[in-house]
Amino acid sequence: GSCWHQCCPGRNNTCWAPGARRARCYCDSYCERTGDCCEDYQAACRHAAVGCAVGPWGPWSGCSSPCGVGSKARSRQVTIPPRHGGEPCPDLKQRRGCLGEHPTCGTAK
């Protein structure tokens, strides 16, 4: 089977070609894990693969609650998007809990 005109990122069961003995061989990047890639997968698809690259995390935001339990968030940007079945991007946002401790909290009711 030949992947020459089709290479798909991730797991994609519609991305296949007829292989030996009427079996399907696959041209999605998941085929490397399952071992059912078409014979030319490496040459046709992997040479062009570009994995996602992201920049550094930005600063944490302030606490969403001035008094008591809240959350903070931070994010980062994609610097190079994935192409041709390359590794997908990791999480771009994170959240964590925080406790607002504004000076007025002790007097607020």
Protein backbone atom coordinates (compact mmCIF):
# COMPACT_ATOMS: atom_id res chain seq x y z
CA GLY A 1 0.00 0.00 0.00
CA SER A 2 1.06 3.55 -0.61
CA CYS A 3 0.64 6.69 1.50
CA TRP A 4 2.13 8.90 -1.16
CA HIS A 5 -0.94 11.15 -1.54
CA GLN A 6 -2.36 10.97 1.96
CA CYS A 7 -0.86 11.42 5.40
CA CYS A 8 -3.11 12.11 8.36
CA PRO A 9 -2.32 13.39 11.86
CA GLY A 10 -3.39 11.50 14.98
CA ARG A 11 -5.68 8.48 14.82
CA ASN A 12 -7.79 8.43 11.68
CA ASN A 13 -9.38 5.17 10.56
CA THR A 14 -10.34 6.67 7.20
CA CYS A 15 -6.68 7.26 6.30
CA TRP A 16 -5.67 3.95 4.76
CA ALA A 17 -4.61 2.28 1.52
CA PRO A 18 -5.06 -1.27 0.22
CA GLY A 19 -2.17 -3.40 1.42
CA ALA A 20 -0.94 -6.92 0.86
CA ARG A 21 -3.48 -9.76 0.82
CA ARG A 22 -6.44 -7.34 0.83
CA ALA A 23 -5.49 -6.04 4.26
CA ARG A 24 -5.57 -2.34 4.95
CA CYS A 25 -2.42 -0.45 5.83
CA TYR A 26 -2.67 2.96 7.45
CA CYS A 27 -1.20 6.39 6.78
CA ASP A 28 -2.16 8.15 10.03
CA SER A 29 0.51 8.94 12.60
CA TYR A 30 -1.12 6.47 15.02
CA CYS A 31 -0.04 3.58 12.78
CA GLU A 32 3.45 3.82 14.28
CA ARG A 33 2.01 2.77 17.65
CA THR A 34 -0.16 0.00 16.24
CA GLY A 35 2.41 -1.27 13.73
CA ASP A 36 0.06 -1.27 10.73
CA CYS A 37 1.62 1.49 8.60
CA CYS A 38 1.87 1.20 4.84
CA GLU A 39 5.32 0.29 3.55
CA ASP A 40 6.11 3.83 2.41
CA TYR A 41 4.73 5.60 5.49
CA GLN A 42 8.16 6.71 6.72
CA ALA A 43 9.22 8.06 3.34
CA ALA A 44 5.88 9.64 2.44
CA CYS A 45 4.75 11.02 5.78
CA ARG A 46 7.31 11.14 8.56
CA HIS A 47 9.97 13.07 6.66
CA ALA A 48 7.58 15.99 6.39
CA ALA A 49 6.23 15.78 9.95
CA VAL A 50 6.65 18.86 12.09
CA GLY A 51 5.80 18.58 15.77
CA CYS A 52 4.09 21.37 17.66
CA ALA A 53 6.31 23.85 19.48
CA VAL A 54 5.07 26.19 22.19
CA GLY A 55 6.53 29.24 23.89
CA PRO A 56 7.12 29.69 27.61
CA TRP A 57 4.31 29.96 30.14
CA GLY A 58 3.10 33.49 30.77
CA PRO A 59 2.67 34.84 34.31
CA TRP A 60 -0.11 33.61 36.57
CA SER A 61 -3.14 35.90 36.67
CA GLY A 62 -4.33 37.40 39.93
CA CYS A 63 -6.67 35.36 42.08
CA SER A 64 -10.25 35.44 40.74
CA SER A 65 -11.58 35.99 44.25
CA PRO A 66 -10.28 38.87 46.37
CA CYS A 67 -11.40 37.05 49.53
CA GLY A 68 -11.51 33.28 49.88
CA VAL A 69 -11.17 30.45 47.37
CA GLY A 70 -10.62 31.35 43.73
CA SER A 71 -8.41 30.38 40.82
CA LYS A 72 -5.43 31.66 38.84
CA ALA A 73 -4.69 30.98 35.20
CA ARG A 74 -1.76 31.20 32.82
CA SER A 75 -1.27 30.43 29.15
CA ARG A 76 1.31 29.99 26.43
CA GLN A 77 1.23 30.37 22.67
CA VAL A 78 1.89 27.97 19.80
CA THR A 79 5.09 29.01 18.02
CA ILE A 80 5.08 26.24 15.40
CA PRO A 81 1.81 24.42 14.64
CA PRO A 82 1.98 20.66 13.95
CA ARG A 83 2.02 19.62 10.31
CA HIS A 84 1.93 16.37 8.36
CA GLY A 85 1.19 14.11 11.33
CA GLY A 86 3.70 15.70 13.73
CA GLU A 87 3.20 15.64 17.49
CA PRO A 88 0.08 17.55 18.57
CA CYS A 89 0.28 20.61 20.80
CA PRO A 90 0.34 20.20 24.59
CA ASP A 91 -2.08 22.11 26.83
CA LEU A 92 -1.94 25.85 26.26
CA LYS A 93 -3.77 26.86 29.45
CA GLN A 94 -3.34 25.95 33.11
CA ARG A 95 -5.47 26.74 36.16
CA ARG A 96 -4.75 26.36 39.84
CA GLY A 97 -6.51 27.22 43.04
CA CYS A 98 -5.69 30.26 45.15
CA LEU A 99 -6.86 32.00 48.27
CA GLY A 100 -7.64 35.70 47.94
CA GLU A 101 -6.11 37.65 50.80
CA HIS A 102 -6.97 41.28 50.03
CA PRO A 103 -6.39 43.58 53.05
CA THR A 104 -10.14 44.30 53.29
CA CYS A 105 -11.07 40.61 53.61
CA GLY A 106 -10.90 40.58 57.41
CA THR A 107 -13.40 43.45 57.68
CA ALA A 108 -15.80 42.33 54.92
CA LYS A 109 -18.92 40.48 55.99
